Amino acid sequence: MLTAITRAVSPAIVHCELSFIDRRPIDLARAREQHRAYEKLLEKLGASVISLPPEPELPDSMFVEDPAIVLYELAVILPLGTETRRREAASLAQALSRFRKLEYVTLPGTLEGGDVLQIGNRVFVGLSSRTNAEGIRQLRVILAPYGYEVISVMVTGCLHLKSAVTYLGRKQASNSRATFNTLLANRAWFDTNPFTGFEWIDVDPAEPHAANALAFGSTIIFPTSFPRTRARIEARGFHVTPLDISELQKAESGLTCSSLLFAYPNPAGS
């Protein structure tokens, strides 16, 4: 069974951090409605959703992916690259302690979960405006005993690595009968050289922000606001379930950042 930890939308979301998009008014009621629809979809697809209460003083706290990453063996609590967001980690660590042992990346290292893309035993980590080399170094040390390879990836055009690339699953390659791990990407925004042996689906040029999709089993959850890229994904044989997150996107939200998904009990049975 997959567990999904989410957090209700903060009433302060209208004061959220923004880096790569312009600020627009956010309708709080609509944002909350869209977030609830996201949680309900996760439940419909089979997840056990644990919805944490809102943090009224922390505008970005619904983005639970950033303060932590959860692997089979442990969870790693992260010092966020934005100082004003670092208080988000404490309550999330408490919630995760029920399911995993905890390790910590510490300052002066900074690292945000939106920069972490795990594919098997490879953990790609964006070197971005929010994640620094020291944070990546500490994560490499923490994960080495468990057999994970931590790979640094330069990010230049967006907030996080997963703003530019997400993992969709395995599908047959366009030019052969073999199956490959498939990535959805805006390849202009990050260094693609560390990614070898993958099949690519490029976002439509008119939809540069469309690279963040949430793969859940055989379903790809994808924003309704990017129909051209959705058509590209479906043309490659993936089943796409669209979801309206237009109000949340005003807070620089993607689909992966609003939940922490992990197996529980985990495959190791611990």
C-alpha atoms as a PDB file:
ATOM      1  CA  MET A   1       0.000   0.000   0.000  1.00  0.00           C
ATOM      2  CA  LEU A   2       1.181   3.512  -0.811  1.00  0.00           C
ATOM      3  CA  THR A   3       0.919   6.192   1.838  1.00  0.00           C
ATOM      4  CA  ALA A   4       0.616   9.833   0.818  1.00  0.00           C
ATOM      5  CA  ILE A   5       1.383  12.603   3.281  1.00  0.00           C
ATOM      6  CA  THR A   6      -0.171  15.914   2.329  1.00  0.00           C
ATOM      7  CA  ARG A   7      -0.832  19.181   4.130  1.00  0.00           C
ATOM      8  CA  ALA A   8      -3.834  21.462   3.855  1.00  0.00           C
ATOM      9  CA  VAL A   9      -3.368  24.791   2.098  1.00  0.00           C
ATOM     10  CA  SER A  10      -2.184  27.555   4.412  1.00  0.00           C
ATOM     11  CA  PRO A  11      -4.340  30.696   4.570  1.00  0.00           C
ATOM     12  CA  ALA A  12      -1.064  32.565   4.055  1.00  0.00           C
ATOM     13  CA  ILE A  13      -0.436  30.987   0.619  1.00  0.00           C
ATOM     14  CA  VAL A  14      -1.126  34.366  -0.962  1.00  0.00           C
ATOM     15  CA  HIS A  15       2.307  35.396   0.429  1.00  0.00           C
ATOM     16  CA  CYS A  16       4.147  32.349  -0.954  1.00  0.00           C
ATOM     17  CA  GLU A  17       7.711  32.425  -2.259  1.00  0.00           C
ATOM     18  CA  LEU A  18       7.997  32.954  -6.031  1.00  0.00           C
ATOM     19  CA  SER A  19      11.161  32.711  -8.106  1.00  0.00           C
ATOM     20  CA  PHE A  20      10.416  32.073 -11.774  1.00  0.00           C
ATOM     21  CA  ILE A  21       6.845  33.306 -12.266  1.00  0.00           C
ATOM     22  CA  ASP A  22       5.084  36.602 -11.665  1.00  0.00           C
ATOM     23  CA  ARG A  23       2.807  37.042  -8.668  1.00  0.00           C
ATOM     24  CA  ARG A  24      -0.927  36.877  -9.366  1.00  0.00           C
ATOM     25  CA  PRO A  25      -3.871  36.950  -6.930  1.00  0.00           C
ATOM     26  CA  ILE A  26      -4.661  33.512  -5.477  1.00  0.00           C
ATOM     27  CA  ASP A  27      -8.264  32.564  -4.694  1.00  0.00           C
ATOM     28  CA  LEU A  28      -7.808  30.739  -1.371  1.00  0.00           C
ATOM     29  CA  ALA A  29     -11.133  28.895  -1.488  1.00  0.00           C
ATOM     30  CA  ARG A  30     -10.440  27.618  -4.995  1.00  0.00           C
ATOM     31  CA  ALA A  31      -6.876  26.642  -4.087  1.00  0.00           C
ATOM     32  CA  ARG A  32      -8.206  24.588  -1.169  1.00  0.00           C
ATOM     33  CA  GLU A  33     -10.824  22.966  -3.403  1.00  0.00           C
ATOM     34  CA  GLN A  34      -8.178  21.966  -5.943  1.00  0.00           C
ATOM     35  CA  HIS A  35      -5.921  20.562  -3.237  1.00  0.00           C
ATOM     36  CA  ARG A  36      -8.773  18.482  -1.817  1.00  0.00           C
ATOM     37  CA  ALA A  37      -9.455  17.160  -5.326  1.00  0.00           C
ATOM     38  CA  TYR A  38      -5.781  16.164  -5.522  1.00  0.00           C
ATOM     39  CA  GLU A  39      -6.048  14.250  -2.238  1.00  0.00           C
ATOM     40  CA  LYS A  40      -9.268  12.547  -3.346  1.00  0.00           C
ATOM     41  CA  LEU A  41      -7.638  11.452  -6.602  1.00  0.00           C
ATOM     42  CA  LEU A  42      -4.723   9.911  -4.701  1.00  0.00           C
ATOM     43  CA  GLU A  43      -7.228   8.023  -2.544  1.00  0.00           C
ATOM     44  CA  LYS A  44      -9.169   6.880  -5.614  1.00  0.00           C
ATOM     45  CA  LEU A  45      -5.948   5.509  -7.090  1.00  0.00           C
ATOM     46  CA  GLY A  46      -5.291   3.510  -3.926  1.00  0.00           C
ATOM     47  CA  ALA A  47      -3.204   5.673  -1.612  1.00  0.00           C
ATOM     48  CA  SER A  48      -3.796   6.008   2.096  1.00  0.00           C
ATOM     49  CA  VAL A  49      -3.775   9.790   2.496  1.00  0.00           C
ATOM     50  CA  ILE A  50      -2.598  11.420   5.726  1.00  0.00           C
ATOM     51  CA  SER A  51      -3.611  15.067   5.499  1.00  0.00           C
ATOM     52  CA  LEU A  52      -1.739  17.217   8.001  1.00  0.00           C
ATOM     53  CA  PRO A  53      -3.382  20.391   9.329  1.00  0.00           C
ATOM     54  CA  PRO A  54      -2.512  23.736   7.749  1.00  0.00           C
ATOM     55  CA  GLU A  55       0.354  25.870   9.043  1.00  0.00           C
ATOM     56  CA  PRO A  56      -1.214  29.356   9.166  1.00  0.00           C
ATOM     57  CA  GLU A  57       2.131  31.155   9.507  1.00  0.00           C
ATOM     58  CA  LEU A  58       3.934  29.209   6.771  1.00  0.00           C
ATOM     59  CA  PRO A  59       2.703  30.190   3.294  1.00  0.00           C
ATOM     60  CA  ASP A  60       4.413  27.367   1.359  1.00  0.00           C
ATOM     61  CA  SER A  61       3.811  24.566   3.841  1.00  0.00           C
ATOM     62  CA  MET A  62       1.430  22.599   1.576  1.00  0.00           C
ATOM     63  CA  PHE A  63       4.510  21.739  -0.524  1.00  0.00           C
ATOM     64  CA  VAL A  64       5.477  18.808   1.687  1.00  0.00           C
ATOM     65  CA  GLU A  65       7.889  17.379  -0.868  1.00  0.00           C
ATOM     66  CA  ASP A  66      10.511  20.048  -0.195  1.00  0.00           C
ATOM     67  CA  PRO A  67      11.468  19.475   3.495  1.00  0.00           C
ATOM     68  CA  ALA A  68      11.982  15.707   3.181  1.00  0.00           C
ATOM     69  CA  ILE A  69      12.651  12.751   0.923  1.00  0.00           C
ATOM     70  CA  VAL A  70      11.407   9.253   1.726  1.00  0.00           C
ATOM     71  CA  LEU A  71      13.232   6.126   0.562  1.00  0.00           C
ATOM     72  CA  TYR A  72      12.582   2.468   1.367  1.00  0.00           C
ATOM     73  CA  GLU A  73      15.019   2.434   4.259  1.00  0.00           C
ATOM     74  CA  LEU A  74      14.791   5.916   5.741  1.00  0.00           C
ATOM     75  CA  ALA A  75      13.553   9.472   5.429  1.00  0.00           C
ATOM     76  CA  VAL A  76      15.943  12.402   5.156  1.00  0.00           C
ATOM     77  CA  ILE A  77      14.889  15.766   6.611  1.00  0.00           C
ATOM     78  CA  LEU A  78      16.232  18.717   4.653  1.00  0.00           C
ATOM     79  CA  PRO A  79      17.253  22.334   5.394  1.00  0.00           C
ATOM     80  CA  LEU A  80      15.411  24.312   2.744  1.00  0.00           C
ATOM     81  CA  GLY A  81      17.171  26.846   0.577  1.00  0.00           C
ATOM     82  CA  THR A  82      14.742  29.570   1.624  1.00  0.00           C
ATOM     83  CA  GLU A  83      15.319  30.450   5.282  1.00  0.00           C
ATOM     84  CA  THR A  84      11.711  31.481   5.917  1.00  0.00           C
ATOM     85  CA  ARG A  85      10.530  27.971   4.949  1.00  0.00           C
ATOM     86  CA  ARG A  86      12.796  25.961   7.261  1.00  0.00           C
ATOM     87  CA  ARG A  87      10.219  25.775  10.059  1.00  0.00           C
ATOM     88  CA  GLU A  88       8.129  23.512   7.809  1.00  0.00           C
ATOM     89  CA  ALA A  89      10.414  20.558   8.500  1.00  0.00           C
ATOM     90  CA  ALA A  90       9.680  19.953  12.200  1.00  0.00           C
ATOM     91  CA  SER A  91       6.055  18.809  12.003  1.00  0.00           C
ATOM     92  CA  LEU A  92       6.772  16.841   8.841  1.00  0.00           C
ATOM     93  CA  ALA A  93       9.635  15.011  10.561  1.00  0.00           C
ATOM     94  CA  GLN A  94       7.280  14.115  13.396  1.00  0.00           C
ATOM     95  CA  ALA A  95       4.747  12.682  10.946  1.00  0.00           C
ATOM     96  CA  LEU A  96       7.391  10.680   9.070  1.00  0.00           C
ATOM     97  CA  SER A  97       8.933   9.257  12.239  1.00  0.00           C
ATOM     98  CA  ARG A  98       5.964   6.850  12.449  1.00  0.00           C
ATOM     99  CA  PHE A  99       7.066   5.217   9.194  1.00  0.00           C
ATOM    100  CA  ARG A 100      10.830   5.587   8.776  1.00  0.00           C
ATOM    101  CA  LYS A 101      13.973   6.236  10.749  1.00  0.00           C
ATOM    102  CA  LEU A 102      15.172   9.785  10.184  1.00  0.00           C
ATOM    103  CA  GLU A 103      18.461  11.252   9.018  1.00  0.00           C
ATOM    104  CA  TYR A 104      19.226  14.940   8.565  1.00  0.00           C
ATOM    105  CA  VAL A 105      21.079  17.144   6.097  1.00  0.00           C
ATOM    106  CA  THR A 106      22.314  20.158   8.069  1.00  0.00           C
ATOM    107  CA  LEU A 107      23.384  23.722   7.351  1.00  0.00           C
ATOM    108  CA  PRO A 108      25.416  25.099   5.643  1.00  0.00           C
ATOM    109  CA  GLY A 109      24.098  22.443   3.277  1.00  0.00           C
ATOM    110  CA  THR A 110      20.741  23.263   1.692  1.00  0.00           C
ATOM    111  CA  LEU A 111      18.575  20.819  -0.170  1.00  0.00           C
ATOM    112  CA  GLU A 112      14.947  20.734  -1.272  1.00  0.00           C
ATOM    113  CA  GLY A 113      12.974  17.630  -2.192  1.00  0.00           C
ATOM    114  CA  GLY A 114      11.768  19.247  -5.396  1.00  0.00           C
ATOM    115  CA  ASP A 115      15.355  18.866  -6.589  1.00  0.00           C
ATOM    116  CA  VAL A 116      15.424  15.105  -5.907  1.00  0.00           C
ATOM    117  CA  LEU A 117      14.402  12.620  -8.606  1.00  0.00           C
ATOM    118  CA  GLN A 118      14.809   8.987  -7.568  1.00  0.00           C
ATOM    119  CA  ILE A 119      14.793   6.310 -10.271  1.00  0.00           C
ATOM    120  CA  GLY A 120      15.676   2.929  -8.806  1.00  0.00           C
ATOM    121  CA  ASN A 121      18.970   3.210  -6.942  1.00  0.00           C
ATOM    122  CA  ARG A 122      19.918   6.398  -8.761  1.00  0.00           C
ATOM    123  CA  VAL A 123      19.094   9.659  -7.001  1.00  0.00           C
ATOM    124  CA  PHE A 124      19.436  12.670  -9.279  1.00  0.00           C
ATOM    125  CA  VAL A 125      19.740  15.919  -7.326  1.00  0.00           C
ATOM    126  CA  GLY A 126      19.442  19.357  -8.879  1.00  0.00           C
ATOM    127  CA  LEU A 127      22.149  21.884  -8.112  1.00  0.00           C
ATOM    128  CA  SER A 128      19.805  24.843  -8.133  1.00  0.00           C
ATOM    129  CA  SER A 129      19.022  28.162  -6.479  1.00  0.00           C
ATOM    130  CA  ARG A 130      17.587  26.142  -3.544  1.00  0.00           C
ATOM    131  CA  THR A 131      20.024  23.193  -3.302  1.00  0.00           C
ATOM    132  CA  ASN A 132      23.781  23.624  -2.918  1.00  0.00           C
ATOM    133  CA  ALA A 133      26.807  21.370  -3.378  1.00  0.00           C
ATOM    134  CA  GLU A 134      27.241  20.837   0.370  1.00  0.00           C
ATOM    135  CA  GLY A 135      23.669  19.613   0.700  1.00  0.00           C
ATOM    136  CA  ILE A 136      24.239  17.150  -2.131  1.00  0.00           C
ATOM    137  CA  ARG A 137      27.517  15.992  -0.544  1.00  0.00           C
ATOM    138  CA  GLN A 138      25.805  15.280   2.775  1.00  0.00           C
ATOM    139  CA  LEU A 139      22.994  13.392   1.069  1.00  0.00           C
ATOM    140  CA  ARG A 140      25.544  11.268  -0.786  1.00  0.00           C
ATOM    141  CA  VAL A 141      27.186  10.334   2.530  1.00  0.00           C
ATOM    142  CA  ILE A 142      23.824   9.513   4.155  1.00  0.00           C
ATOM    143  CA  LEU A 143      22.623   7.307   1.301  1.00  0.00           C
ATOM    144  CA  ALA A 144      25.885   5.533   0.427  1.00  0.00           C
ATOM    145  CA  PRO A 145      25.428   2.713   3.005  1.00  0.00           C
ATOM    146  CA  TYR A 146      22.118   1.814   1.365  1.00  0.00           C
ATOM    147  CA  GLY A 147      23.518   1.446  -2.140  1.00  0.00           C
ATOM    148  CA  TYR A 148      22.128   4.627  -3.677  1.00  0.00           C
ATOM    149  CA  GLU A 149      24.119   6.599  -6.240  1.00  0.00           C
ATOM    150  CA  VAL A 150      23.614  10.348  -5.787  1.00  0.00           C
ATOM    151  CA  ILE A 151      24.123  12.239  -9.052  1.00  0.00           C
ATOM    152  CA  SER A 152      24.374  16.030  -9.204  1.00  0.00           C
ATOM    153  CA  VAL A 153      22.515  17.793 -12.040  1.00  0.00           C
ATOM    154  CA  MET A 154      22.928  21.470 -12.916  1.00  0.00           C
ATOM    155  CA  VAL A 155      19.573  23.314 -13.048  1.00  0.00           C
ATOM    156  CA  THR A 156      19.502  26.727 -14.712  1.00  0.00           C
ATOM    157  CA  GLY A 157      16.053  27.628 -16.012  1.00  0.00           C
ATOM    158  CA  CYS A 158      13.574  26.822 -13.242  1.00  0.00           C
ATOM    159  CA  LEU A 159      12.998  26.455  -9.506  1.00  0.00           C
ATOM    160  CA  HIS A 160      13.760  22.749  -9.027  1.00  0.00           C
ATOM    161  CA  LEU A 161      15.015  19.780 -11.005  1.00  0.00           C
ATOM    162  CA  LYS A 162      11.511  18.300 -11.010  1.00  0.00           C
ATOM    163  CA  SER A 163      10.179  21.523 -12.490  1.00  0.00           C
ATOM    164  CA  ALA A 164      12.171  20.462 -15.554  1.00  0.00           C
ATOM    165  CA  VAL A 165      12.065  16.651 -15.554  1.00  0.00           C
ATOM    166  CA  THR A 166       9.956  13.887 -14.005  1.00  0.00           C
ATOM    167  CA  TYR A 167       9.844  10.113 -14.362  1.00  0.00           C
ATOM    168  CA  LEU A 168       6.847   8.543 -16.125  1.00  0.00           C
ATOM    169  CA  GLY A 169       7.704   4.830 -16.034  1.00  0.00           C
ATOM    170  CA  ARG A 170       8.673   2.164 -18.566  1.00  0.00           C
ATOM    171  CA  LYS A 171       7.340   2.152 -22.116  1.00  0.00           C
ATOM    172  CA  GLN A 172       8.412   0.869 -25.493  1.00  0.00           C
ATOM    173  CA  ALA A 173      10.847   3.190 -27.219  1.00  0.00           C
ATOM    174  CA  SER A 174       9.664   4.993 -30.317  1.00  0.00           C
ATOM    175  CA  ASN A 175      12.253   3.378 -32.584  1.00  0.00           C
ATOM    176  CA  SER A 176      12.527  -0.178 -31.222  1.00  0.00           C
ATOM    177  CA  ARG A 177      10.692  -2.973 -29.431  1.00  0.00           C
ATOM    178  CA  ALA A 178      12.744  -2.512 -26.287  1.00  0.00           C
ATOM    179  CA  THR A 179      11.286  -0.814 -23.224  1.00  0.00           C
ATOM    180  CA  PHE A 180      13.028   2.072 -21.543  1.00  0.00           C
ATOM    181  CA  ASN A 181      12.570   4.260 -18.507  1.00  0.00           C
ATOM    182  CA  THR A 182      10.845   7.346 -19.833  1.00  0.00           C
ATOM    183  CA  LEU A 183      11.329  10.946 -18.735  1.00  0.00           C
ATOM    184  CA  LEU A 184       9.122  13.966 -19.385  1.00  0.00           C
ATOM    185  CA  ALA A 185      11.323  17.018 -19.712  1.00  0.00           C
ATOM    186  CA  ASN A 186      12.044  20.570 -20.707  1.00  0.00           C
ATOM    187  CA  ARG A 187      15.645  19.828 -21.642  1.00  0.00           C
ATOM    188  CA  ALA A 188      16.538  23.521 -21.998  1.00  0.00           C
ATOM    189  CA  TRP A 189      16.392  23.982 -18.220  1.00  0.00           C
ATOM    190  CA  PHE A 190      18.913  21.428 -16.935  1.00  0.00           C
ATOM    191  CA  ASP A 191      22.030  19.470 -17.857  1.00  0.00           C
ATOM    192  CA  THR A 192      20.839  16.281 -19.545  1.00  0.00           C
ATOM    193  CA  ASN A 193      24.289  14.634 -19.640  1.00  0.00           C
ATOM    194  CA  PRO A 194      23.866  12.715 -16.339  1.00  0.00           C
ATOM    195  CA  PHE A 195      20.749  11.008 -17.706  1.00  0.00           C
ATOM    196  CA  THR A 196      21.912   8.068 -19.792  1.00  0.00           C
ATOM    197  CA  GLY A 197      19.785   5.182 -21.028  1.00  0.00           C
ATOM    198  CA  PHE A 198      16.466   7.019 -20.896  1.00  0.00           C
ATOM    199  CA  GLU A 199      13.747   7.641 -23.453  1.00  0.00           C
ATOM    200  CA  TRP A 200      12.576  11.268 -23.597  1.00  0.00           C
ATOM    201  CA  ILE A 201       9.214  12.926 -24.069  1.00  0.00           C
ATOM    202  CA  ASP A 202       9.779  16.640 -24.593  1.00  0.00           C
ATOM    203  CA  VAL A 203       7.219  19.170 -23.446  1.00  0.00           C
ATOM    204  CA  ASP A 204       5.470  21.112 -26.159  1.00  0.00           C
ATOM    205  CA  PRO A 205       7.423  24.325 -26.850  1.00  0.00           C
ATOM    206  CA  ALA A 206       4.310  26.378 -26.062  1.00  0.00           C
ATOM    207  CA  GLU A 207       4.132  24.764 -22.585  1.00  0.00           C
ATOM    208  CA  PRO A 208       7.607  25.140 -21.049  1.00  0.00           C
ATOM    209  CA  HIS A 209       6.345  24.516 -17.486  1.00  0.00           C
ATOM    210  CA  ALA A 210       4.704  21.180 -18.372  1.00  0.00           C
ATOM    211  CA  ALA A 211       7.470  18.797 -17.274  1.00  0.00           C
ATOM    212  CA  ASN A 212       6.128  18.078 -13.787  1.00  0.00           C
ATOM    213  CA  ALA A 213       3.901  14.996 -13.825  1.00  0.00           C
ATOM    214  CA  LEU A 214       3.070  12.583 -11.018  1.00  0.00           C
ATOM    215  CA  ALA A 215       3.362   8.910 -11.934  1.00  0.00           C
ATOM    216  CA  PHE A 216       1.120   6.755  -9.751  1.00  0.00           C
ATOM    217  CA  GLY A 217       1.217   3.113 -10.774  1.00  0.00           C
ATOM    218  CA  SER A 218      -0.049   2.915 -14.349  1.00  0.00           C
ATOM    219  CA  THR A 219      -1.564   6.405 -14.187  1.00  0.00           C
ATOM    220  CA  ILE A 220       0.098   9.724 -14.968  1.00  0.00           C
ATOM    221  CA  ILE A 221      -1.565  12.583 -13.084  1.00  0.00           C
ATOM    222  CA  PHE A 222      -1.095  15.698 -15.180  1.00  0.00           C
ATOM    223  CA  PRO A 223      -2.277  19.347 -15.085  1.00  0.00           C
ATOM    224  CA  THR A 224      -5.215  20.227 -17.320  1.00  0.00           C
ATOM    225  CA  SER A 225      -3.431  23.449 -18.255  1.00  0.00           C
ATOM    226  CA  PHE A 226      -0.982  21.663 -20.591  1.00  0.00           C
ATOM    227  CA  PRO A 227      -3.122  19.879 -23.222  1.00  0.00           C
ATOM    228  CA  ARG A 228      -0.450  19.807 -25.937  1.00  0.00           C
ATOM    229  CA  THR A 229       2.073  18.051 -23.726  1.00  0.00           C
ATOM    230  CA  ARG A 230      -0.637  15.730 -22.452  1.00  0.00           C
ATOM    231  CA  ALA A 231      -1.244  14.649 -26.051  1.00  0.00           C
ATOM    232  CA  ARG A 232       2.457  13.852 -26.427  1.00  0.00           C
ATOM    233  CA  ILE A 233       2.406  11.674 -23.314  1.00  0.00           C
ATOM    234  CA  GLU A 234      -0.708   9.816 -24.409  1.00  0.00           C
ATOM    235  CA  ALA A 235       0.722   9.289 -27.891  1.00  0.00           C
ATOM    236  CA  ARG A 236       3.506   7.268 -26.259  1.00  0.00           C
ATOM    237  CA  GLY A 237       1.029   4.907 -24.629  1.00  0.00           C
ATOM    238  CA  PHE A 238       0.721   6.341 -21.120  1.00  0.00           C
ATOM    239  CA  HIS A 239      -2.655   6.629 -19.397  1.00  0.00           C
ATOM    240  CA  VAL A 240      -3.136  10.245 -18.277  1.00  0.00           C
ATOM    241  CA  THR A 241      -5.608  11.484 -15.667  1.00  0.00           C
ATOM    242  CA  PRO A 242      -5.910  15.290 -15.878  1.00  0.00           C
ATOM    243  CA  LEU A 243      -6.289  17.430 -12.784  1.00  0.00           C
ATOM    244  CA  ASP A 244      -7.001  21.143 -12.511  1.00  0.00           C
ATOM    245  CA  ILE A 245      -4.368  22.819 -10.310  1.00  0.00           C
ATOM    246  CA  SER A 246      -4.531  26.214 -12.013  1.00  0.00           C
ATOM    247  CA  GLU A 247      -4.932  28.174  -8.774  1.00  0.00           C
ATOM    248  CA  LEU A 248      -2.112  26.274  -7.074  1.00  0.00           C
ATOM    249  CA  GLN A 249       0.130  26.896 -10.073  1.00  0.00           C
ATOM    250  CA  LYS A 250       0.035  30.581  -9.168  1.00  0.00           C
ATOM    251  CA  ALA A 251       2.108  29.528  -6.131  1.00  0.00           C
ATOM    252  CA  GLU A 252       4.672  27.880  -8.445  1.00  0.00           C
ATOM    253  CA  SER A 253       3.177  24.486  -7.668  1.00  0.00           C
ATOM    254  CA  GLY A 254       3.647  21.268  -9.569  1.00  0.00           C
ATOM    255  CA  LEU A 255       1.944  17.945  -8.920  1.00  0.00           C
ATOM    256  CA  THR A 256       4.816  16.159  -7.207  1.00  0.00           C
ATOM    257  CA  CYS A 257       5.431  18.864  -4.615  1.00  0.00           C
ATOM    258  CA  SER A 258       2.088  18.494  -2.832  1.00  0.00           C
ATOM    259  CA  SER A 259       2.606  14.978  -1.484  1.00  0.00           C
ATOM    260  CA  LEU A 260       5.163  12.550  -0.137  1.00  0.00           C
ATOM    261  CA  LEU A 261       4.411   9.103  -1.564  1.00  0.00           C
ATOM    262  CA  PHE A 262       6.004   5.966  -0.125  1.00  0.00           C
ATOM    263  CA  ALA A 263       5.272   2.302   0.476  1.00  0.00           C
ATOM    264  CA  TYR A 264       4.127   1.281   3.946  1.00  0.00           C
ATOM    265  CA  PRO A 265       4.933  -1.233   5.167  1.00  0.00           C
ATOM    266  CA  ASN A 266       8.001  -0.762   3.019  1.00  0.00           C
ATOM    267  CA  PRO A 267       9.291  -3.577   0.779  1.00  0.00           C
ATOM    268  CA  ALA A 268      11.970  -4.498   3.307  1.00  0.00           C
ATOM    269  CA  GLY A 269       9.258  -5.045   5.913  1.00  0.00           C
ATOM    270  CA  SER A 270      10.822  -2.668   8.414  1.00  0.00           C
END
